[in-house]
């Protein structure tokens, strides 16, 4: 496992979810995630969002809405941002 992955897992446990910007910041600080690590991390985030276990903050919600305005609707980035926004709205 990479150091970025270890840090991402730790933050995932404390924050509930991670946004794309947070993952990119981790990679910039600790190095790139492997493909397998990225797949695991994305699967865990989606599972948390769909199960209601995610604690989406207002900051994460606002970041997700910015991505929804700028990203291509068919992109994985858009799908993740949409899941974050939906989870936040469902919990409100």
C-alpha atoms as a PDB file:
ATOM      1  CA  UNK A   1       0.000   0.000   0.000  1.00  0.00           C
ATOM      2  CA  UNK A   2       1.117   3.517  -0.709  1.00  0.00           C
ATOM      3  CA  UNK A   3       1.367   6.236   1.890  1.00  0.00           C
ATOM      4  CA  UNK A   4      -1.362   8.182   0.051  1.00  0.00           C
ATOM      5  CA  UNK A   5      -3.692   5.193   0.385  1.00  0.00           C
ATOM      6  CA  UNK A   6      -3.006   4.794   4.097  1.00  0.00           C
ATOM      7  CA  UNK A   7      -3.725   8.485   4.621  1.00  0.00           C
ATOM      8  CA  UNK A   8      -6.866   8.336   2.441  1.00  0.00           C
ATOM      9  CA  UNK A   9      -8.232   5.401   4.457  1.00  0.00           C
ATOM     10  CA  UNK A  10      -7.555   7.216   7.725  1.00  0.00           C
ATOM     11  CA  UNK A  11      -9.263  10.386   6.526  1.00  0.00           C
ATOM     12  CA  UNK A  12     -12.152   8.377   5.131  1.00  0.00           C
ATOM     13  CA  UNK A  13     -12.764   6.968   8.597  1.00  0.00           C
ATOM     14  CA  UNK A  14     -12.694  10.374  10.270  1.00  0.00           C
ATOM     15  CA  UNK A  15     -14.487  12.420   7.589  1.00  0.00           C
ATOM     16  CA  UNK A  16     -16.966   9.890   6.209  1.00  0.00           C
ATOM     17  CA  UNK A  17     -16.135  10.613   2.559  1.00  0.00           C
ATOM     18  CA  UNK A  18     -13.438  12.236   0.464  1.00  0.00           C
ATOM     19  CA  UNK A  19     -13.955  14.543  -2.491  1.00  0.00           C
ATOM     20  CA  UNK A  20     -11.898  14.455  -5.680  1.00  0.00           C
ATOM     21  CA  UNK A  21     -10.031  17.578  -4.575  1.00  0.00           C
ATOM     22  CA  UNK A  22      -9.161  15.983  -1.246  1.00  0.00           C
ATOM     23  CA  UNK A  23      -7.873  12.851  -2.980  1.00  0.00           C
ATOM     24  CA  UNK A  24      -5.817  14.928  -5.409  1.00  0.00           C
ATOM     25  CA  UNK A  25      -4.327  16.870  -2.493  1.00  0.00           C
ATOM     26  CA  UNK A  26      -3.374  13.609  -0.790  1.00  0.00           C
ATOM     27  CA  UNK A  27      -1.721  12.380  -3.973  1.00  0.00           C
ATOM     28  CA  UNK A  28       0.175  15.652  -4.375  1.00  0.00           C
ATOM     29  CA  UNK A  29       1.429  15.368  -0.811  1.00  0.00           C
ATOM     30  CA  UNK A  30       2.110  11.616  -0.546  1.00  0.00           C
ATOM     31  CA  UNK A  31       2.379  10.291  -4.116  1.00  0.00           C
ATOM     32  CA  UNK A  32      -0.029   8.699  -6.566  1.00  0.00           C
ATOM     33  CA  UNK A  33      -2.488   5.975  -5.650  1.00  0.00           C
ATOM     34  CA  UNK A  34      -2.248   2.706  -7.546  1.00  0.00           C
ATOM     35  CA  UNK A  35      -5.155   1.734  -9.776  1.00  0.00           C
ATOM     36  CA  UNK A  36      -6.232  -0.919  -7.274  1.00  0.00           C
ATOM     37  CA  UNK A  37      -6.137   1.563  -4.404  1.00  0.00           C
ATOM     38  CA  UNK A  38      -8.165   4.093  -6.387  1.00  0.00           C
ATOM     39  CA  UNK A  39     -10.774   1.443  -7.245  1.00  0.00           C
ATOM     40  CA  UNK A  40     -11.052   0.373  -3.594  1.00  0.00           C
ATOM     41  CA  UNK A  41     -11.319   3.974  -2.424  1.00  0.00           C
ATOM     42  CA  UNK A  42     -13.986   4.858  -4.991  1.00  0.00           C
ATOM     43  CA  UNK A  43     -15.981   1.731  -4.160  1.00  0.00           C
ATOM     44  CA  UNK A  44     -15.842   2.522  -0.441  1.00  0.00           C
ATOM     45  CA  UNK A  45     -16.946   6.124  -1.017  1.00  0.00           C
ATOM     46  CA  UNK A  46     -19.873   5.063  -3.218  1.00  0.00           C
ATOM     47  CA  UNK A  47     -20.917   2.390  -0.727  1.00  0.00           C
ATOM     48  CA  UNK A  48     -20.896   4.927   2.091  1.00  0.00           C
ATOM     49  CA  UNK A  49     -22.870   7.429   0.028  1.00  0.00           C
ATOM     50  CA  UNK A  50     -25.470   4.843  -0.973  1.00  0.00           C
ATOM     51  CA  UNK A  51     -25.818   3.320   2.482  1.00  0.00           C
ATOM     52  CA  UNK A  52     -26.284   6.619   4.274  1.00  0.00           C
ATOM     53  CA  UNK A  53     -23.095   6.168   6.322  1.00  0.00           C
ATOM     54  CA  UNK A  54     -21.411   9.173   4.716  1.00  0.00           C
ATOM     55  CA  UNK A  55     -21.194  12.368   6.712  1.00  0.00           C
ATOM     56  CA  UNK A  56     -21.200  14.977   3.972  1.00  0.00           C
ATOM     57  CA  UNK A  57     -20.203  18.427   5.157  1.00  0.00           C
ATOM     58  CA  UNK A  58     -21.488  21.676   3.719  1.00  0.00           C
ATOM     59  CA  UNK A  59     -17.997  22.329   2.322  1.00  0.00           C
ATOM     60  CA  UNK A  60     -17.996  18.982   0.511  1.00  0.00           C
ATOM     61  CA  UNK A  61     -21.493  19.655  -0.794  1.00  0.00           C
ATOM     62  CA  UNK A  62     -20.502  23.066  -2.148  1.00  0.00           C
ATOM     63  CA  UNK A  63     -17.402  21.589  -3.763  1.00  0.00           C
ATOM     64  CA  UNK A  64     -19.558  18.898  -5.382  1.00  0.00           C
ATOM     65  CA  UNK A  65     -22.024  21.447  -6.768  1.00  0.00           C
ATOM     66  CA  UNK A  66     -19.142  23.350  -8.397  1.00  0.00           C
ATOM     67  CA  UNK A  67     -18.022  20.134 -10.076  1.00  0.00           C
ATOM     68  CA  UNK A  68     -21.577  19.473 -11.254  1.00  0.00           C
ATOM     69  CA  UNK A  69     -21.595  22.866 -12.960  1.00  0.00           C
ATOM     70  CA  UNK A  70     -18.282  22.356 -14.748  1.00  0.00           C
ATOM     71  CA  UNK A  71     -17.734  18.622 -15.354  1.00  0.00           C
ATOM     72  CA  UNK A  72     -18.956  16.555 -18.270  1.00  0.00           C
ATOM     73  CA  UNK A  73     -22.207  14.792 -17.217  1.00  0.00           C
ATOM     74  CA  UNK A  74     -20.863  11.414 -18.351  1.00  0.00           C
ATOM     75  CA  UNK A  75     -17.584  11.614 -16.457  1.00  0.00           C
ATOM     76  CA  UNK A  76     -16.696   9.689 -13.279  1.00  0.00           C
ATOM     77  CA  UNK A  77     -15.928  13.031 -11.613  1.00  0.00           C
ATOM     78  CA  UNK A  78     -19.506  14.173 -12.308  1.00  0.00           C
ATOM     79  CA  UNK A  79     -20.981  10.910 -11.011  1.00  0.00           C
ATOM     80  CA  UNK A  80     -19.052  11.139  -7.753  1.00  0.00           C
ATOM     81  CA  UNK A  81     -20.005  14.801  -7.270  1.00  0.00           C
ATOM     82  CA  UNK A  82     -23.648  13.943  -7.936  1.00  0.00           C
ATOM     83  CA  UNK A  83     -23.544  11.135  -5.347  1.00  0.00           C
ATOM     84  CA  UNK A  84     -22.065  13.521  -2.766  1.00  0.00           C
ATOM     85  CA  UNK A  85     -24.690  16.180  -3.481  1.00  0.00           C
ATOM     86  CA  UNK A  86     -27.506  13.632  -3.332  1.00  0.00           C
ATOM     87  CA  UNK A  87     -26.252  12.212  -0.033  1.00  0.00           C
ATOM     88  CA  UNK A  88     -26.080  15.662   1.505  1.00  0.00           C
ATOM     89  CA  UNK A  89     -29.557  16.603   0.263  1.00  0.00           C
ATOM     90  CA  UNK A  90     -31.006  13.321   1.508  1.00  0.00           C
ATOM     91  CA  UNK A  91     -29.625  13.908   4.973  1.00  0.00           C
ATOM     92  CA  UNK A  92     -30.945  17.474   5.198  1.00  0.00           C
END
